[in-house]
Amino acid sequence: MIKLKHVILLLEWYDYRIHRGVAKVAREAGWQLNCPKDPTANGGILNRWKGDGCIALLQCRDTLEYFRTHKIPVVDMGLGNHHLPIPRVVTDNRQIGRLAAEHFRDHGYREVFALNPANVPMYRERFNAIKDYMEADGGTVVELETEETRLPELISELKEIAQRRGNRLEELSLGFFAYHDNMAAQIISLCLQNELRVPENIAVLGVDNDDLINAGLTISLSSIDTDQEGLGRQAALLLRHMLDDTTFTPHEDTLIRHSPKNVVVRSSTDCYAVRNPLVADALHWIKHNFHKGIQAADIAEAMGVTQQGLQKAFSTNYSRSPGQEIRHQRIQTVAHLLGSTNAGLQDIAKNCGFNSVDTLISSFRREFNTTPGQYRKQRRQEMKTH
């Protein structure tokens, strides 16, 4: 009789999507999977547990001590500095920073604010990444003094910054990057309690695309989809390899980074950081109509201004011309559809406002220096790798 393998999922923060990703592999592998949901009791749970493998977030002192003294195959899902010869599977925080920077840049924000990451490795990686990508494009990221543990002080610090710049906070349009969705939800609540408008005064972007958090908000949250289910699956596949191949000896530097998917845009960043109301309205109109094959003249007509007046307003207040913005939104949507769907080029061209597939291909090549087919193949290869 084949011996049943018993595996435990031990998370100090619980996410049902990670659990689901691990559970799917467990079913494929024939594991008996248990997932206790009381992180304060991890040490006691392990001391009473007899099993074959573990997927854990190794931060709790008792949990760490257990794995220092017990030779059980384990995969770590955190960035804690424990110096154990245990492989890790974590979210790719560099790519999260890149997606955040691109999202704010595309909405006209040249300056983004973020909390002090303190001593949290994940926060520091995400902060450094968005800072690097923003600065590479001529923007800046302001690291605030406020930390997550003192979040109620955030609004006071932002008001002081605005005052030093000769403004009231209520008159500004700021971009704010939160390290995870729960933090983002708290920031939105603070803004509303202080009669600040979201996204007009403060546009908030979160991370993890947690549908349960978003369901409880009056202003829906834009968030980076980190593919938590895929992250759990990746960790479980690595553990399965360790359990099936007893000769596999992981090194403490073994680190697999799982790529996020994309930014899911909702109300909390549905705004453009431009002072000119005409340009702001035009940008929103482009966003909702670019797929119809519009041109700059159509925008001017919709806004009730001359084409020359529209061009002048954009050149003074925005980084792209009306025509460039139309092309940018079209081609970015094409890239998203290529990476996330199996739709053919004919359907993508039709849904993104291109007159023909040939026009789509030539425009895509100019922007990405590759063909749509090569781009889709590369994206799928990246998904397999991660």
Protein backbone atom coordinates (compact mmCIF):
# COMPACT_ATOMS: atom_id res chain seq x y z
CA MET A 1 0.00 0.00 0.00
CA ILE A 2 1.34 3.46 -0.99
CA LYS A 3 1.96 5.64 2.07
CA LEU A 4 -0.17 8.78 2.14
CA LYS A 5 1.86 12.02 2.42
CA HIS A 6 0.68 14.52 5.02
CA VAL A 7 1.40 18.21 4.27
CA ILE A 8 0.67 21.27 6.39
CA LEU A 9 0.13 24.83 5.12
CA LEU A 10 1.24 27.15 7.88
CA LEU A 11 0.65 30.82 7.05
CA GLU A 12 1.04 33.64 9.55
CA TRP A 13 -1.20 35.65 7.25
CA TYR A 14 -3.96 33.64 5.61
CA ASP A 15 -5.13 34.09 2.03
CA TYR A 16 -7.72 31.66 0.70
CA ARG A 17 -6.26 32.00 -2.82
CA ILE A 18 -2.86 30.71 -1.69
CA HIS A 19 -4.68 27.88 0.08
CA ARG A 20 -6.58 27.10 -3.13
CA GLY A 21 -3.39 27.02 -5.22
CA VAL A 22 -1.72 24.63 -2.78
CA ALA A 23 -4.88 22.52 -2.49
CA LYS A 24 -5.02 21.93 -6.25
CA VAL A 25 -1.48 20.53 -6.25
CA ALA A 26 -2.29 18.50 -3.12
CA ARG A 27 -5.18 16.88 -4.96
CA GLU A 28 -2.98 16.14 -7.99
CA ALA A 29 -0.25 14.68 -5.79
CA GLY A 30 -2.56 12.73 -3.47
CA TRP A 31 -1.53 14.64 -0.33
CA GLN A 32 -3.54 14.97 2.84
CA LEU A 33 -3.40 18.78 3.29
CA ASN A 34 -4.17 20.59 6.53
CA CYS A 35 -4.20 24.36 7.00
CA PRO A 36 -4.62 25.60 10.59
CA LYS A 37 -5.70 29.24 10.68
CA ASP A 38 -4.47 30.34 14.10
CA PRO A 39 -0.98 31.78 13.49
CA THR A 40 -0.40 32.37 17.21
CA ALA A 41 -0.47 28.61 17.79
CA ASN A 42 1.93 27.57 15.03
CA GLY A 43 4.63 26.37 17.38
CA GLY A 44 2.25 24.19 19.36
CA ILE A 45 0.66 22.81 16.21
CA LEU A 46 4.03 21.73 14.84
CA ASN A 47 5.08 20.09 18.09
CA ARG A 48 2.03 17.83 17.90
CA TRP A 49 2.19 17.29 14.14
CA LYS A 50 3.78 14.33 12.39
CA GLY A 51 3.90 14.76 8.65
CA ASP A 52 6.00 14.77 5.51
CA GLY A 53 6.24 18.36 4.30
CA CYS A 54 5.30 21.96 5.01
CA ILE A 55 4.67 25.23 3.21
CA ALA A 56 5.06 28.12 5.64
CA LEU A 57 5.68 31.79 6.17
CA LEU A 58 8.71 31.54 8.43
CA GLN A 59 8.68 34.52 10.78
CA CYS A 60 7.35 33.31 14.14
CA ARG A 61 10.17 32.41 16.54
CA ASP A 62 8.61 29.09 17.55
CA THR A 63 8.09 28.09 13.91
CA LEU A 64 11.69 28.94 13.05
CA GLU A 65 12.99 26.97 16.03
CA TYR A 66 11.01 23.92 14.96
CA PHE A 67 12.56 23.87 11.50
CA ARG A 68 16.04 24.41 12.90
CA THR A 69 15.72 21.14 14.80
CA HIS A 70 13.50 19.01 12.53
CA LYS A 71 14.64 17.88 9.08
CA ILE A 72 11.32 18.08 7.26
CA PRO A 73 11.00 19.31 3.65
CA VAL A 74 9.66 22.87 3.81
CA VAL A 75 9.11 25.77 1.42
CA ASP A 76 9.18 29.30 2.81
CA MET A 77 6.84 31.97 1.35
CA GLY A 78 8.47 34.89 3.13
CA LEU A 79 11.59 37.04 3.07
CA GLY A 80 12.59 36.65 6.72
CA ASN A 81 16.32 36.60 7.44
CA HIS A 82 16.45 33.17 9.12
CA HIS A 83 19.56 31.69 7.38
CA LEU A 84 17.98 28.25 7.11
CA PRO A 85 18.73 26.03 4.06
CA ILE A 86 15.12 26.31 2.97
CA PRO A 87 14.00 27.31 -0.55
CA ARG A 88 11.64 30.24 -0.95
CA VAL A 89 8.80 31.10 -3.29
CA VAL A 90 7.76 34.75 -3.05
CA THR A 91 6.01 37.40 -5.10
CA ASP A 92 8.24 39.29 -7.55
CA ASN A 93 8.32 42.66 -5.81
CA ARG A 94 10.43 44.28 -8.55
CA GLN A 95 7.67 43.61 -11.05
CA ILE A 96 5.08 44.95 -8.61
CA GLY A 97 7.07 48.19 -8.41
CA ARG A 98 7.28 48.34 -12.21
CA LEU A 99 3.53 47.88 -12.66
CA ALA A 100 2.80 50.52 -10.00
CA ALA A 101 5.17 53.04 -11.59
CA GLU A 102 3.73 52.48 -15.05
CA HIS A 103 0.17 52.85 -13.75
CA PHE A 104 0.86 56.15 -12.01
CA ARG A 105 2.90 57.43 -14.96
CA ASP A 106 0.10 56.58 -17.38
CA HIS A 107 -2.28 58.61 -15.22
CA GLY A 108 -0.02 61.65 -15.28
CA TYR A 109 1.56 61.34 -11.83
CA ARG A 110 5.20 62.38 -11.73
CA GLU A 111 5.37 62.11 -7.93
CA VAL A 112 4.13 59.19 -5.81
CA PHE A 113 3.98 58.91 -2.00
CA ALA A 114 4.48 55.78 0.11
CA LEU A 115 4.73 54.97 3.81
CA ASN A 116 8.08 54.38 5.48
CA PRO A 117 8.71 50.65 4.79
CA ALA A 118 10.46 50.35 8.18
CA ASN A 119 12.07 46.93 8.64
CA VAL A 120 9.59 44.92 6.58
CA PRO A 121 11.59 43.30 3.74
CA MET A 122 8.59 42.99 1.41
CA TYR A 123 7.69 46.66 1.87
CA ARG A 124 11.30 47.75 1.31
CA GLU A 125 11.58 45.74 -1.90
CA ARG A 126 8.35 47.20 -3.24
CA PHE A 127 9.34 50.73 -2.26
CA ASN A 128 12.79 50.47 -3.84
CA ALA A 129 11.31 49.02 -7.03
CA ILE A 130 8.68 51.71 -7.60
CA LYS A 131 11.28 54.34 -6.75
CA ASP A 132 13.73 52.97 -9.33
CA TYR A 133 11.12 52.73 -12.07
CA MET A 134 9.62 56.15 -11.36
CA GLU A 135 13.04 57.82 -11.34
CA ALA A 136 14.05 56.04 -14.57
CA ASP A 137 11.16 57.86 -16.24
CA GLY A 138 11.89 61.25 -14.66
CA GLY A 139 9.50 60.90 -11.71
CA THR A 140 10.01 60.73 -7.95
CA VAL A 141 8.77 58.72 -4.96
CA VAL A 142 8.49 60.38 -1.56
CA GLU A 143 9.17 58.14 1.44
CA LEU A 144 7.03 59.45 4.28
CA GLU A 145 8.03 59.38 7.93
CA THR A 146 4.75 57.69 8.87
CA GLU A 147 4.97 53.92 9.28
CA GLU A 148 2.16 51.38 9.08
CA THR A 149 2.04 51.15 12.88
CA ARG A 150 1.26 54.89 13.04
CA LEU A 151 -1.06 55.10 10.05
CA PRO A 152 -3.53 57.63 11.63
CA GLU A 153 -0.69 60.20 11.49
CA LEU A 154 -0.55 59.99 7.68
CA ILE A 155 -2.99 62.79 6.88
CA SER A 156 -1.24 65.22 9.22
CA GLU A 157 2.10 64.55 7.53
CA LEU A 158 0.60 65.03 4.07
CA LYS A 159 -1.01 68.29 5.16
CA GLU A 160 2.35 69.53 6.45
CA ILE A 161 4.02 68.66 3.13
CA ALA A 162 1.29 70.49 1.21
CA GLN A 163 1.62 73.52 3.48
CA ARG A 164 5.39 73.69 2.96
CA ARG A 165 4.70 73.76 -0.78
CA GLY A 166 2.24 76.60 -0.40
CA ASN A 167 -0.93 74.56 -0.89
CA ARG A 168 -3.77 72.96 1.01
CA LEU A 169 -3.94 69.18 0.76
CA GLU A 170 -7.53 69.50 -0.50
CA GLU A 171 -6.18 71.41 -3.53
CA LEU A 172 -3.63 68.79 -4.60
CA SER A 173 -3.79 65.61 -6.67
CA LEU A 174 -1.43 62.98 -5.22
CA GLY A 175 -0.62 59.40 -6.10
CA PHE A 176 -0.28 56.98 -3.16
CA PHE A 177 1.22 53.48 -3.35
CA ALA A 178 0.12 51.11 -0.55
CA TYR A 179 2.15 47.94 0.01
CA HIS A 180 -0.98 45.75 0.28
CA ASP A 181 -4.74 46.06 -0.04
CA ASN A 182 -5.54 46.18 3.66
CA MET A 183 -3.22 49.19 4.01
CA ALA A 184 -4.82 50.78 0.96
CA ALA A 185 -8.31 50.29 2.43
CA GLN A 186 -7.23 51.99 5.67
CA ILE A 187 -5.76 54.91 3.71
CA ILE A 188 -9.02 55.35 1.79
CA SER A 189 -10.92 55.40 5.10
CA LEU A 190 -8.56 58.03 6.52
CA CYS A 191 -9.06 60.19 3.44
CA LEU A 192 -12.84 59.99 3.68
CA GLN A 193 -12.79 60.71 7.43
CA ASN A 194 -10.75 63.86 6.69
CA GLU A 195 -13.04 64.95 3.83
CA LEU A 196 -10.42 64.27 1.16
CA ARG A 197 -11.62 63.03 -2.20
CA VAL A 198 -10.45 59.68 -3.59
CA PRO A 199 -9.11 59.65 -6.27
CA GLU A 200 -9.28 63.41 -7.01
CA ASN A 201 -7.09 64.47 -4.03
CA ILE A 202 -5.37 61.16 -3.32
CA ALA A 203 -5.35 58.29 -5.82
CA VAL A 204 -4.66 55.03 -3.96
CA LEU A 205 -3.16 51.89 -5.51
CA GLY A 206 -2.99 48.65 -3.50
CA VAL A 207 -1.37 45.25 -4.01
CA ASP A 208 -2.88 41.71 -4.08
CA ASN A 209 -6.32 42.42 -5.63
CA ASP A 210 -8.12 41.01 -2.59
CA ASP A 211 -11.77 40.75 -3.63
CA LEU A 212 -12.97 40.45 -0.03
CA ILE A 213 -11.33 43.73 0.98
CA ASN A 214 -12.60 45.45 -2.15
CA ALA A 215 -16.15 44.21 -1.57
CA GLY A 216 -16.37 46.22 1.66
CA LEU A 217 -15.24 49.57 0.24
CA THR A 218 -17.49 52.41 -0.92
CA ILE A 219 -14.73 53.44 -3.37
CA SER A 220 -13.50 50.40 -5.26
CA LEU A 221 -9.77 49.81 -4.99
CA SER A 222 -7.33 49.69 -7.89
CA SER A 223 -4.84 46.95 -7.13
CA ILE A 224 -2.00 44.89 -8.58
CA ASP A 225 -3.08 41.30 -9.09
CA THR A 226 -0.20 39.28 -7.62
CA ASP A 227 -1.74 35.94 -8.62
CA GLN A 228 -1.90 34.57 -5.09
CA GLU A 229 -3.36 31.29 -6.29
CA GLY A 230 -0.49 30.88 -8.74
CA LEU A 231 1.94 31.74 -5.94
CA GLY A 232 0.51 28.97 -3.77
CA ARG A 233 0.64 26.54 -6.66
CA GLN A 234 4.29 27.42 -7.36
CA ALA A 235 5.24 26.79 -3.73
CA ALA A 236 3.35 23.47 -3.70
CA LEU A 237 4.98 22.31 -6.94
CA LEU A 238 8.40 22.96 -5.43
CA LEU A 239 7.49 21.00 -2.30
CA ARG A 240 6.18 18.18 -4.47
CA HIS A 241 9.56 18.04 -6.24
CA MET A 242 11.32 17.90 -2.85
CA LEU A 243 9.08 15.09 -1.62
CA ASP A 244 9.36 13.07 -4.84
CA ASP A 245 13.12 13.53 -5.26
CA THR A 246 14.88 12.77 -1.98
CA THR A 247 18.25 13.64 -3.57
CA PHE A 248 17.20 17.27 -4.01
CA THR A 249 19.18 19.43 -1.57
CA PRO A 250 18.01 23.05 -1.48
CA HIS A 251 20.39 25.89 -0.73
CA GLU A 252 19.45 28.78 1.53
CA ASP A 253 19.82 31.09 -1.51
CA THR A 254 17.21 29.19 -3.56
CA LEU A 255 14.63 31.84 -4.37
CA ILE A 256 11.79 31.67 -6.91
CA ARG A 257 9.95 34.93 -7.61
CA HIS A 258 6.41 34.62 -8.94
CA SER A 259 5.34 37.33 -11.38
CA PRO A 260 2.24 39.46 -10.76
CA LYS A 261 -0.39 39.62 -13.49
CA ASN A 262 -1.47 43.21 -14.02
CA VAL A 263 -3.09 46.27 -12.48
CA VAL A 264 -6.83 45.91 -12.00
CA VAL A 265 -8.07 49.48 -12.41
CA ARG A 266 -11.03 50.62 -10.32
CA SER A 267 -12.34 53.88 -8.87
CA SER A 268 -9.51 54.66 -6.42
CA THR A 269 -7.14 55.66 -9.26
CA ASP A 270 -9.73 56.60 -11.89
CA CYS A 271 -8.29 60.09 -12.15
CA TYR A 272 -5.51 61.91 -13.98
CA ALA A 273 -3.02 64.14 -12.16
CA VAL A 274 -3.59 67.22 -14.30
CA ARG A 275 -4.71 70.64 -13.11
CA ASN A 276 -6.48 71.49 -16.36
CA PRO A 277 -10.14 70.35 -16.23
CA LEU A 278 -10.36 70.16 -20.04
CA VAL A 279 -7.41 67.79 -20.26
CA ALA A 280 -8.70 65.68 -17.35
CA ASP A 281 -12.12 65.34 -18.98
CA ALA A 282 -10.54 64.55 -22.36
CA LEU A 283 -8.37 61.83 -20.85
CA HIS A 284 -11.39 60.17 -19.28
CA TRP A 285 -13.26 60.40 -22.57
CA ILE A 286 -10.34 58.79 -24.44
CA LYS A 287 -10.19 56.01 -21.84
CA HIS A 288 -13.82 55.08 -22.44
CA ASN A 289 -13.84 55.56 -26.23
CA PHE A 290 -10.39 54.66 -27.65
CA HIS A 291 -11.72 51.27 -28.82
CA LYS A 292 -14.14 52.99 -31.22
CA GLY A 293 -11.50 54.10 -33.72
CA ILE A 294 -11.58 57.74 -32.58
CA GLN A 295 -9.17 60.47 -33.66
CA ALA A 296 -8.03 63.73 -32.06
CA ALA A 297 -10.77 65.64 -33.91
CA ASP A 298 -13.41 63.45 -32.23
CA ILE A 299 -12.04 64.34 -28.79
CA ALA A 300 -12.17 68.06 -29.57
CA GLU A 301 -15.76 67.75 -30.77
CA ALA A 302 -16.77 65.79 -27.66
CA MET A 303 -15.15 68.44 -25.42
CA GLY A 304 -16.71 71.32 -27.36
CA VAL A 305 -13.38 72.99 -28.24
CA THR A 306 -11.28 73.46 -31.35
CA GLN A 307 -8.65 70.88 -32.20
CA GLN A 308 -5.96 73.56 -31.87
CA GLY A 309 -7.22 74.49 -28.41
CA LEU A 310 -7.19 70.85 -27.32
CA GLN A 311 -3.65 70.34 -28.64
CA LYS A 312 -2.43 73.45 -26.78
CA ALA A 313 -4.05 72.34 -23.50
CA PHE A 314 -2.43 68.90 -23.77
CA SER A 315 1.03 70.30 -24.63
CA THR A 316 0.90 72.56 -21.56
CA ASN A 317 -0.58 70.12 -19.04
CA TYR A 318 0.14 66.54 -20.11
CA SER A 319 3.04 64.35 -21.26
CA ARG A 320 1.39 63.14 -24.49
CA SER A 321 -0.66 64.72 -27.27
CA PRO A 322 -4.30 63.63 -27.78
CA GLY A 323 -3.31 61.42 -30.70
CA GLN A 324 -0.42 59.88 -28.77
CA GLU A 325 -2.73 59.16 -25.82
CA ILE A 326 -5.21 57.35 -28.08
CA ARG A 327 -2.43 55.20 -29.54
CA HIS A 328 -0.94 54.57 -26.08
CA GLN A 329 -4.21 53.35 -24.59
CA ARG A 330 -4.92 51.15 -27.60
CA ILE A 331 -1.53 49.47 -27.67
CA GLN A 332 -1.41 48.93 -23.90
CA THR A 333 -4.78 47.20 -24.10
CA VAL A 334 -3.50 45.05 -26.97
CA ALA A 335 -0.52 43.99 -24.82
CA HIS A 336 -2.84 43.12 -21.92
CA LEU A 337 -5.12 41.02 -24.14
CA LEU A 338 -2.17 39.22 -25.71
CA GLY A 339 -0.81 38.31 -22.29
CA SER A 340 -4.06 37.36 -20.59
CA THR A 341 -6.33 35.87 -23.28
CA ASN A 342 -6.28 33.56 -26.30
CA ALA A 343 -8.10 36.09 -28.48
CA GLY A 344 -6.99 36.25 -32.12
CA LEU A 345 -5.47 39.37 -33.67
CA GLN A 346 -8.62 40.04 -35.71
CA ASP A 347 -10.76 40.23 -32.57
CA ILE A 348 -8.13 42.23 -30.66
CA ALA A 349 -7.82 44.76 -33.49
CA LYS A 350 -11.61 45.14 -33.63
CA ASN A 351 -11.91 45.64 -29.86
CA CYS A 352 -9.03 48.13 -29.62
CA GLY A 353 -9.99 50.51 -32.41
CA PHE A 354 -7.57 49.40 -35.13
CA ASN A 355 -8.74 49.45 -38.75
CA SER A 356 -6.85 46.25 -39.59
CA VAL A 357 -4.59 43.57 -38.21
CA ASP A 358 -1.70 45.00 -40.26
CA THR A 359 -2.12 48.39 -38.58
CA LEU A 360 -2.17 46.71 -35.17
CA ILE A 361 1.01 44.74 -35.91
CA SER A 362 2.95 47.76 -37.18
CA SER A 363 1.86 49.90 -34.21
CA PHE A 364 2.70 47.13 -31.77
CA ARG A 365 6.13 46.62 -33.30
CA ARG A 366 6.93 50.34 -32.98
CA GLU A 367 5.98 50.34 -29.29
CA PHE A 368 7.40 46.99 -28.12
CA ASN A 369 10.05 46.29 -30.77
CA THR A 370 8.56 42.83 -31.36
CA THR A 371 5.52 41.28 -33.03
CA PRO A 372 2.28 40.49 -31.18
CA GLY A 373 2.91 36.77 -31.71
CA GLN A 374 6.42 36.93 -30.27
CA TYR A 375 5.17 39.01 -27.35
CA ARG A 376 2.41 36.50 -26.53
CA LYS A 377 4.90 33.62 -26.74
CA GLN A 378 7.32 35.44 -24.41
CA ARG A 379 4.58 36.20 -21.88
CA ARG A 380 3.45 32.57 -21.83
CA GLN A 381 7.01 31.40 -21.37
CA GLU A 382 7.39 33.80 -18.42
CA MET A 383 4.21 32.40 -16.87
CA LYS A 384 5.56 28.84 -17.19
CA THR A 385 8.90 29.86 -15.71
CA HIS A 386 7.25 31.43 -12.69
